[in-house]
Amino acid sequence: MPIFKSSRKIQTFGSSLAITLPSMFVKVNEIEKGSVINLFYGLEGVMVVSRMEDPEEVLRCLNDIIRKLGEKSGDKRLEGNSDNV
């Protein structure tokens, strides 16, 4: 599974702030108006958007993304560390 990076501008939506979802993510995950997605976030500035319901599957995919980011950055601590990140 390849990983993608995308930048988004924060927009105003009424009295709220909003971001758009990348069109490829929307198409691949069959997201449409009224779809429900899951957000996981901490207060340190990282947020994960997921269409998956199973926390184990989300964790498996996050570990895969972390491993691939390690490969791209050359960070040996993250490469091959898919089981306990």
PDB file of N, CA and C in Angstrom:
ATOM      1  N   MET A   1       0.845  -1.184   0.000  1.00  0.00           N
ATOM      2  CA  MET A   1       0.000   0.000   0.000  1.00  0.00           C
ATOM      3  C   MET A   1       0.886   1.242   0.000  1.00  0.00           C
ATOM      4  N   PRO A   2       0.751   2.082  -0.986  1.00  0.00           N
ATOM      5  CA  PRO A   2       1.510   3.332  -0.979  1.00  0.00           C
ATOM      6  C   PRO A   2       0.926   4.302   0.044  1.00  0.00           C
ATOM      7  N   ILE A   3       1.742   5.252   0.464  1.00  0.00           N
ATOM      8  CA  ILE A   3       1.246   6.317   1.342  1.00  0.00           C
ATOM      9  C   ILE A   3       1.319   7.633   0.585  1.00  0.00           C
ATOM     10  N   PHE A   4       0.436   8.522   0.918  1.00  0.00           N
ATOM     11  CA  PHE A   4       0.348   9.798   0.238  1.00  0.00           C
ATOM     12  C   PHE A   4       0.397  10.921   1.258  1.00  0.00           C
ATOM     13  N   LYS A   5       0.895  12.068   0.831  1.00  0.00           N
ATOM     14  CA  LYS A   5       0.918  13.258   1.662  1.00  0.00           C
ATOM     15  C   LYS A   5       0.111  14.329   0.938  1.00  0.00           C
ATOM     16  N   SER A   6      -0.666  15.075   1.687  1.00  0.00           N
ATOM     17  CA  SER A   6      -1.488  16.120   1.092  1.00  0.00           C
ATOM     18  C   SER A   6      -1.574  17.287   2.063  1.00  0.00           C
ATOM     19  N   SER A   7      -1.596  18.488   1.539  1.00  0.00           N
ATOM     20  CA  SER A   7      -1.779  19.683   2.366  1.00  0.00           C
ATOM     21  C   SER A   7      -3.192  20.209   2.171  1.00  0.00           C
ATOM     22  N   ARG A   8      -3.745  20.748   3.211  1.00  0.00           N
ATOM     23  CA  ARG A   8      -5.089  21.307   3.154  1.00  0.00           C
ATOM     24  C   ARG A   8      -5.104  22.642   3.878  1.00  0.00           C
ATOM     25  N   LYS A   9      -5.845  23.599   3.331  1.00  0.00           N
ATOM     26  CA  LYS A   9      -6.057  24.883   4.000  1.00  0.00           C
ATOM     27  C   LYS A   9      -7.278  24.777   4.896  1.00  0.00           C
ATOM     28  N   ILE A  10      -7.188  25.366   6.052  1.00  0.00           N
ATOM     29  CA  ILE A  10      -8.334  25.435   6.953  1.00  0.00           C
ATOM     30  C   ILE A  10      -9.312  26.460   6.384  1.00  0.00           C
ATOM     31  N   GLN A  11     -10.566  26.082   6.303  1.00  0.00           N
ATOM     32  CA  GLN A  11     -11.598  26.953   5.755  1.00  0.00           C
ATOM     33  C   GLN A  11     -12.656  27.219   6.824  1.00  0.00           C
ATOM     34  N   THR A  12     -13.391  28.294   6.640  1.00  0.00           N
ATOM     35  CA  THR A  12     -14.515  28.538   7.542  1.00  0.00           C
ATOM     36  C   THR A  12     -15.766  27.928   6.923  1.00  0.00           C
ATOM     37  N   PHE A  13     -16.571  27.364   7.782  1.00  0.00           N
ATOM     38  CA  PHE A  13     -17.827  26.739   7.380  1.00  0.00           C
ATOM     39  C   PHE A  13     -18.851  27.163   8.418  1.00  0.00           C
ATOM     40  N   GLY A  14     -19.564  28.239   8.124  1.00  0.00           N
ATOM     41  CA  GLY A  14     -20.433  28.841   9.139  1.00  0.00           C
ATOM     42  C   GLY A  14     -19.558  29.421  10.235  1.00  0.00           C
ATOM     43  N   SER A  15     -19.806  29.031  11.466  1.00  0.00           N
ATOM     44  CA  SER A  15     -18.973  29.511  12.577  1.00  0.00           C
ATOM     45  C   SER A  15     -17.920  28.477  12.968  1.00  0.00           C
ATOM     46  N   SER A  16     -17.749  27.431  12.144  1.00  0.00           N
ATOM     47  CA  SER A  16     -16.776  26.372  12.423  1.00  0.00           C
ATOM     48  C   SER A  16     -15.602  26.451  11.458  1.00  0.00           C
ATOM     49  N   LEU A  17     -14.559  25.705  11.764  1.00  0.00           N
ATOM     50  CA  LEU A  17     -13.428  25.529  10.864  1.00  0.00           C
ATOM     51  C   LEU A  17     -13.541  24.151  10.229  1.00  0.00           C
ATOM     52  N   ALA A  18     -13.088  24.017   8.983  1.00  0.00           N
ATOM     53  CA  ALA A  18     -13.217  22.749   8.269  1.00  0.00           C
ATOM     54  C   ALA A  18     -12.031  22.522   7.346  1.00  0.00           C
ATOM     55  N   ILE A  19     -11.789  21.244   7.022  1.00  0.00           N
ATOM     56  CA  ILE A  19     -10.828  20.866   5.989  1.00  0.00           C
ATOM     57  C   ILE A  19     -11.540  19.924   5.022  1.00  0.00           C
ATOM     58  N   THR A  20     -11.049  19.873   3.805  1.00  0.00           N
ATOM     59  CA  THR A  20     -11.606  18.942   2.827  1.00  0.00           C
ATOM     60  C   THR A  20     -10.799  17.652   2.844  1.00  0.00           C
ATOM     61  N   LEU A  21     -11.398  16.580   2.347  1.00  0.00           N
ATOM     62  CA  LEU A  21     -10.712  15.297   2.233  1.00  0.00           C
ATOM     63  C   LEU A  21     -10.137  15.169   0.825  1.00  0.00           C
ATOM     64  N   PRO A  22      -8.959  14.554   0.695  1.00  0.00           N
ATOM     65  CA  PRO A  22      -8.390  14.348  -0.639  1.00  0.00           C
ATOM     66  C   PRO A  22      -9.331  13.497  -1.501  1.00  0.00           C
ATOM     67  N   SER A  23      -9.497  13.883  -2.766  1.00  0.00           N
ATOM     68  CA  SER A  23     -10.454  13.199  -3.637  1.00  0.00           C
ATOM     69  C   SER A  23     -10.119  11.718  -3.813  1.00  0.00           C
ATOM     70  N   MET A  24      -8.843  11.351  -3.869  1.00  0.00           N
ATOM     71  CA  MET A  24      -8.479   9.942  -4.010  1.00  0.00           C
ATOM     72  C   MET A  24      -8.938   9.137  -2.782  1.00  0.00           C
ATOM     73  N   PHE A  25      -8.768   9.701  -1.588  1.00  0.00           N
ATOM     74  CA  PHE A  25      -9.218   9.050  -0.354  1.00  0.00           C
ATOM     75  C   PHE A  25     -10.729   8.857  -0.387  1.00  0.00           C
ATOM     76  N   VAL A  26     -11.442   9.884  -0.833  1.00  0.00           N
ATOM     77  CA  VAL A  26     -12.905   9.837  -0.918  1.00  0.00           C
ATOM     78  C   VAL A  26     -13.357   8.759  -1.899  1.00  0.00           C
ATOM     79  N   LYS A  27     -12.743   8.727  -3.070  1.00  0.00           N
ATOM     80  CA  LYS A  27     -13.141   7.749  -4.094  1.00  0.00           C
ATOM     81  C   LYS A  27     -12.837   6.325  -3.670  1.00  0.00           C
ATOM     82  N   VAL A  28     -11.616   6.079  -3.205  1.00  0.00           N
ATOM     83  CA  VAL A  28     -11.198   4.727  -2.836  1.00  0.00           C
ATOM     84  C   VAL A  28     -12.033   4.190  -1.671  1.00  0.00           C
ATOM     85  N   ASN A  29     -12.391   5.062  -0.747  1.00  0.00           N
ATOM     86  CA  ASN A  29     -13.141   4.634   0.437  1.00  0.00           C
ATOM     87  C   ASN A  29     -14.649   4.815   0.290  1.00  0.00           C
ATOM     88  N   GLU A  30     -15.080   5.173  -0.911  1.00  0.00           N
ATOM     89  CA  GLU A  30     -16.505   5.323  -1.222  1.00  0.00           C
ATOM     90  C   GLU A  30     -17.229   6.214  -0.210  1.00  0.00           C
ATOM     91  N   ILE A  31     -16.626   7.366   0.049  1.00  0.00           N
ATOM     92  CA  ILE A  31     -17.209   8.323   0.989  1.00  0.00           C
ATOM     93  C   ILE A  31     -18.119   9.269   0.211  1.00  0.00           C
ATOM     94  N   GLU A  32     -19.288   9.479   0.746  1.00  0.00           N
ATOM     95  CA  GLU A  32     -20.243  10.395   0.118  1.00  0.00           C
ATOM     96  C   GLU A  32     -20.922  11.213   1.212  1.00  0.00           C
ATOM     97  N   LYS A  33     -21.697  12.168   0.798  1.00  0.00           N
ATOM     98  CA  LYS A  33     -22.411  13.012   1.746  1.00  0.00           C
ATOM     99  C   LYS A  33     -23.194  12.126   2.723  1.00  0.00           C
ATOM    100  N   GLY A  34     -23.022  12.374   4.002  1.00  0.00           N
ATOM    101  CA  GLY A  34     -23.698  11.595   5.033  1.00  0.00           C
ATOM    102  C   GLY A  34     -22.888  10.426   5.566  1.00  0.00           C
ATOM    103  N   SER A  35     -21.758  10.107   4.902  1.00  0.00           N
ATOM    104  CA  SER A  35     -20.900   9.021   5.396  1.00  0.00           C
ATOM    105  C   SER A  35     -20.331   9.398   6.755  1.00  0.00           C
ATOM    106  N   VAL A  36     -20.089   8.393   7.569  1.00  0.00           N
ATOM    107  CA  VAL A  36     -19.479   8.607   8.881  1.00  0.00           C
ATOM    108  C   VAL A  36     -18.040   8.106   8.822  1.00  0.00           C
ATOM    109  N   ILE A  37     -17.104   8.916   9.301  1.00  0.00           N
ATOM    110  CA  ILE A  37     -15.703   8.523   9.387  1.00  0.00           C
ATOM    111  C   ILE A  37     -15.272   8.639  10.840  1.00  0.00           C
ATOM    112  N   ASN A  38     -14.183   7.979  11.166  1.00  0.00           N
ATOM    113  CA  ASN A  38     -13.644   8.019  12.522  1.00  0.00           C
ATOM    114  C   ASN A  38     -12.414   8.915  12.552  1.00  0.00           C
ATOM    115  N   LEU A  39     -12.301   9.722  13.600  1.00  0.00           N
ATOM    116  CA  LEU A  39     -11.130  10.572  13.801  1.00  0.00           C
ATOM    117  C   LEU A  39     -10.436  10.130  15.081  1.00  0.00           C
ATOM    118  N   PHE A  40      -9.129   9.965  14.979  1.00  0.00           N
ATOM    119  CA  PHE A  40      -8.298   9.674  16.144  1.00  0.00           C
ATOM    120  C   PHE A  40      -7.296  10.807  16.223  1.00  0.00           C
ATOM    121  N   TYR A  41      -7.162  11.430  17.366  1.00  0.00           N
ATOM    122  CA  TYR A  41      -6.218  12.535  17.462  1.00  0.00           C
ATOM    123  C   TYR A  41      -5.718  12.708  18.884  1.00  0.00           C
ATOM    124  N   GLY A  42      -4.530  13.277  18.970  1.00  0.00           N
ATOM    125  CA  GLY A  42      -3.939  13.663  20.233  1.00  0.00           C
ATOM    126  C   GLY A  42      -3.759  15.166  20.219  1.00  0.00           C
ATOM    127  N   LEU A  43      -3.358  15.702  21.330  1.00  0.00           N
ATOM    128  CA  LEU A  43      -3.200  17.155  21.416  1.00  0.00           C
ATOM    129  C   LEU A  43      -1.840  17.624  20.925  1.00  0.00           C
ATOM    130  N   GLU A  44      -1.017  16.707  20.427  1.00  0.00           N
ATOM    131  CA  GLU A  44       0.299  17.083  19.924  1.00  0.00           C
ATOM    132  C   GLU A  44       0.320  17.373  18.440  1.00  0.00           C
ATOM    133  N   GLY A  45      -0.853  17.467  17.815  1.00  0.00           N
ATOM    134  CA  GLY A  45      -0.921  17.916  16.426  1.00  0.00           C
ATOM    135  C   GLY A  45      -1.063  16.830  15.379  1.00  0.00           C
ATOM    136  N   VAL A  46      -1.393  15.613  15.779  1.00  0.00           N
ATOM    137  CA  VAL A  46      -1.575  14.528  14.816  1.00  0.00           C
ATOM    138  C   VAL A  46      -3.037  14.080  14.857  1.00  0.00           C
ATOM    139  N   MET A  47      -3.629  13.965  13.659  1.00  0.00           N
ATOM    140  CA  MET A  47      -4.997  13.478  13.553  1.00  0.00           C
ATOM    141  C   MET A  47      -5.047  12.445  12.441  1.00  0.00           C
ATOM    142  N   VAL A  48      -5.761  11.361  12.683  1.00  0.00           N
ATOM    143  CA  VAL A  48      -5.909  10.287  11.716  1.00  0.00           C
ATOM    144  C   VAL A  48      -7.385  10.172  11.366  1.00  0.00           C
ATOM    145  N   VAL A  49      -7.672  10.134  10.080  1.00  0.00           N
ATOM    146  CA  VAL A  49      -9.038   9.960   9.588  1.00  0.00           C
ATOM    147  C   VAL A  49      -9.136   8.537   9.064  1.00  0.00           C
ATOM    148  N   SER A  50     -10.135   7.804   9.506  1.00  0.00           N
ATOM    149  CA  SER A  50     -10.268   6.413   9.099  1.00  0.00           C
ATOM    150  C   SER A  50     -11.712   6.074   8.775  1.00  0.00           C
ATOM    151  N   ARG A  51     -11.887   5.237   7.795  1.00  0.00           N
ATOM    152  CA  ARG A  51     -13.207   4.716   7.434  1.00  0.00           C
ATOM    153  C   ARG A  51     -13.443   3.379   8.139  1.00  0.00           C
ATOM    154  N   MET A  52     -12.394   2.815   8.732  1.00  0.00           N
ATOM    155  CA  MET A  52     -12.460   1.494   9.360  1.00  0.00           C
ATOM    156  C   MET A  52     -13.087   1.562  10.738  1.00  0.00           C
ATOM    157  N   GLU A  53     -13.780   0.509  11.097  1.00  0.00           N
ATOM    158  CA  GLU A  53     -14.400   0.403  12.416  1.00  0.00           C
ATOM    159  C   GLU A  53     -13.534  -0.382  13.403  1.00  0.00           C
ATOM    160  N   ASP A  54     -12.789  -1.361  12.892  1.00  0.00           N
ATOM    161  CA  ASP A  54     -12.011  -2.262  13.746  1.00  0.00           C
ATOM    162  C   ASP A  54     -10.708  -1.597  14.194  1.00  0.00           C
ATOM    163  N   PRO A  55     -10.560  -1.349  15.510  1.00  0.00           N
ATOM    164  CA  PRO A  55      -9.337  -0.690  16.009  1.00  0.00           C
ATOM    165  C   PRO A  55      -8.064  -1.473  15.680  1.00  0.00           C
ATOM    166  N   GLU A  56      -8.137  -2.792  15.645  1.00  0.00           N
ATOM    167  CA  GLU A  56      -6.955  -3.604  15.304  1.00  0.00           C
ATOM    168  C   GLU A  56      -6.526  -3.369  13.857  1.00  0.00           C
ATOM    169  N   GLU A  57      -7.498  -3.220  12.971  1.00  0.00           N
ATOM    170  CA  GLU A  57      -7.196  -2.961  11.560  1.00  0.00           C
ATOM    171  C   GLU A  57      -6.615  -1.552  11.384  1.00  0.00           C
ATOM    172  N   VAL A  58      -7.157  -0.587  12.121  1.00  0.00           N
ATOM    173  CA  VAL A  58      -6.616   0.778  12.087  1.00  0.00           C
ATOM    174  C   VAL A  58      -5.171   0.755  12.560  1.00  0.00           C
ATOM    175  N   LEU A  59      -4.892   0.049  13.650  1.00  0.00           N
ATOM    176  CA  LEU A  59      -3.534  -0.033  14.185  1.00  0.00           C
ATOM    177  C   LEU A  59      -2.589  -0.696  13.183  1.00  0.00           C
ATOM    178  N   ARG A  60      -3.044  -1.759  12.531  1.00  0.00           N
ATOM    179  CA  ARG A  60      -2.209  -2.431  11.534  1.00  0.00           C
ATOM    180  C   ARG A  60      -1.850  -1.479  10.393  1.00  0.00           C
ATOM    181  N   CYS A  61      -2.832  -0.729   9.918  1.00  0.00           N
ATOM    182  CA  CYS A  61      -2.586   0.219   8.830  1.00  0.00           C
ATOM    183  C   CYS A  61      -1.689   1.378   9.280  1.00  0.00           C
ATOM    184  N   LEU A  62      -1.888   1.861  10.498  1.00  0.00           N
ATOM    185  CA  LEU A  62      -1.027   2.934  11.011  1.00  0.00           C
ATOM    186  C   LEU A  62       0.415   2.459  11.141  1.00  0.00           C
ATOM    187  N   ASN A  63       0.600   1.245  11.621  1.00  0.00           N
ATOM    188  CA  ASN A  63       1.955   0.694  11.719  1.00  0.00           C
ATOM    189  C   ASN A  63       2.604   0.599  10.348  1.00  0.00           C
ATOM    190  N   ASP A  64       1.835   0.220   9.328  1.00  0.00           N
ATOM    191  CA  ASP A  64       2.348   0.146   7.965  1.00  0.00           C
ATOM    192  C   ASP A  64       2.767   1.535   7.470  1.00  0.00           C
ATOM    193  N   ILE A  65       1.935   2.540   7.742  1.00  0.00           N
ATOM    194  CA  ILE A  65       2.264   3.919   7.347  1.00  0.00           C
ATOM    195  C   ILE A  65       3.525   4.389   8.063  1.00  0.00           C
ATOM    196  N   ILE A  66       3.649   4.113   9.359  1.00  0.00           N
ATOM    197  CA  ILE A  66       4.829   4.519  10.130  1.00  0.00           C
ATOM    198  C   ILE A  66       6.082   3.852   9.571  1.00  0.00           C
ATOM    199  N   ARG A  67       5.987   2.570   9.245  1.00  0.00           N
ATOM    200  CA  ARG A  67       7.137   1.855   8.672  1.00  0.00           C
ATOM    201  C   ARG A  67       7.558   2.488   7.349  1.00  0.00           C
ATOM    202  N   LYS A  68       6.577   2.801   6.487  1.00  0.00           N
ATOM    203  CA  LYS A  68       6.898   3.398   5.189  1.00  0.00           C
ATOM    204  C   LYS A  68       7.449   4.809   5.327  1.00  0.00           C
ATOM    205  N   LEU A  69       6.967   5.564   6.296  1.00  0.00           N
ATOM    206  CA  LEU A  69       7.541   6.888   6.556  1.00  0.00           C
ATOM    207  C   LEU A  69       8.992   6.752   7.014  1.00  0.00           C
ATOM    208  N   GLY A  70       9.270   5.745   7.822  1.00  0.00           N
ATOM    209  CA  GLY A  70      10.640   5.479   8.254  1.00  0.00           C
ATOM    210  C   GLY A  70      11.552   5.152   7.084  1.00  0.00           C
ATOM    211  N   GLU A  71      11.037   4.353   6.149  1.00  0.00           N
ATOM    212  CA  GLU A  71      11.814   4.015   4.960  1.00  0.00           C
ATOM    213  C   GLU A  71      12.110   5.254   4.128  1.00  0.00           C
ATOM    214  N   LYS A  72      11.104   6.108   3.953  1.00  0.00           N
ATOM    215  CA  LYS A  72      11.286   7.337   3.163  1.00  0.00           C
ATOM    216  C   LYS A  72      12.277   8.290   3.818  1.00  0.00           C
ATOM    217  N   SER A  73      12.217   8.376   5.140  1.00  0.00           N
ATOM    218  CA  SER A  73      13.066   9.336   5.841  1.00  0.00           C
ATOM    219  C   SER A  73      14.431   8.760   6.188  1.00  0.00           C
ATOM    220  N   GLY A  74      14.594   7.446   6.040  1.00  0.00           N
ATOM    221  CA  GLY A  74      15.856   6.816   6.409  1.00  0.00           C
ATOM    222  C   GLY A  74      15.984   6.582   7.905  1.00  0.00           C
ATOM    223  N   ASP A  75      14.890   6.710   8.643  1.00  0.00           N
ATOM    224  CA  ASP A  75      14.901   6.501  10.095  1.00  0.00           C
ATOM    225  C   ASP A  75      14.822   5.004  10.378  1.00  0.00           C
ATOM    226  N   LYS A  76      15.961   4.415  10.712  1.00  0.00           N
ATOM    227  CA  LYS A  76      16.057   2.971  10.941  1.00  0.00           C
ATOM    228  C   LYS A  76      15.209   2.524  12.133  1.00  0.00           C
ATOM    229  N   ARG A  77      14.915   3.426  13.056  1.00  0.00           N
ATOM    230  CA  ARG A  77      14.097   3.056  14.222  1.00  0.00           C
ATOM    231  C   ARG A  77      12.669   2.710  13.812  1.00  0.00           C
ATOM    232  N   LEU A  78      12.198   3.298  12.715  1.00  0.00           N
ATOM    233  CA  LEU A  78      10.822   3.065  12.277  1.00  0.00           C
ATOM    234  C   LEU A  78      10.701   1.974  11.232  1.00  0.00           C
ATOM    235  N   GLU A  79      11.769   1.734  10.483  1.00  0.00           N
ATOM    236  CA  GLU A  79      11.729   0.713   9.441  1.00  0.00           C
ATOM    237  C   GLU A  79      11.573  -0.664  10.071  1.00  0.00           C
ATOM    238  N   GLY A  80      10.683  -1.452   9.548  1.00  0.00           N
ATOM    239  CA  GLY A  80      10.499  -2.813  10.033  1.00  0.00           C
ATOM    240  C   GLY A  80       9.918  -2.911  11.422  1.00  0.00           C
ATOM    241  N   ASN A  81       9.439  -1.793  11.962  1.00  0.00           N
ATOM    242  CA  ASN A  81       8.903  -1.772  13.326  1.00  0.00           C
ATOM    243  C   ASN A  81       7.377  -1.747  13.268  1.00  0.00           C
ATOM    244  N   SER A  82       6.803  -2.719  12.567  1.00  0.00           N
ATOM    245  CA  SER A  82       5.349  -2.699  12.356  1.00  0.00           C
ATOM    246  C   SER A  82       4.574  -3.353  13.482  1.00  0.00           C
ATOM    247  N   ASP A  83       5.233  -4.045  14.406  1.00  0.00           N
ATOM    248  CA  ASP A  83       4.495  -4.756  15.453  1.00  0.00           C
ATOM    249  C   ASP A  83       4.317  -3.980  16.733  1.00  0.00           C
ATOM    250  N   ASN A  84       5.216  -3.065  17.038  1.00  0.00           N
ATOM    251  CA  ASN A  84       5.120  -2.435  18.356  1.00  0.00           C
ATOM    252  C   ASN A  84       5.333  -0.937  18.320  1.00  0.00           C
ATOM    253  N   VAL A  85       4.813  -0.300  17.305  1.00  0.00           N
ATOM    254  CA  VAL A  85       4.871   1.167  17.239  1.00  0.00           C
ATOM    255  C   VAL A  85       3.601   1.712  17.839  1.00  0.00           C
TER     256      VAL A  85
END
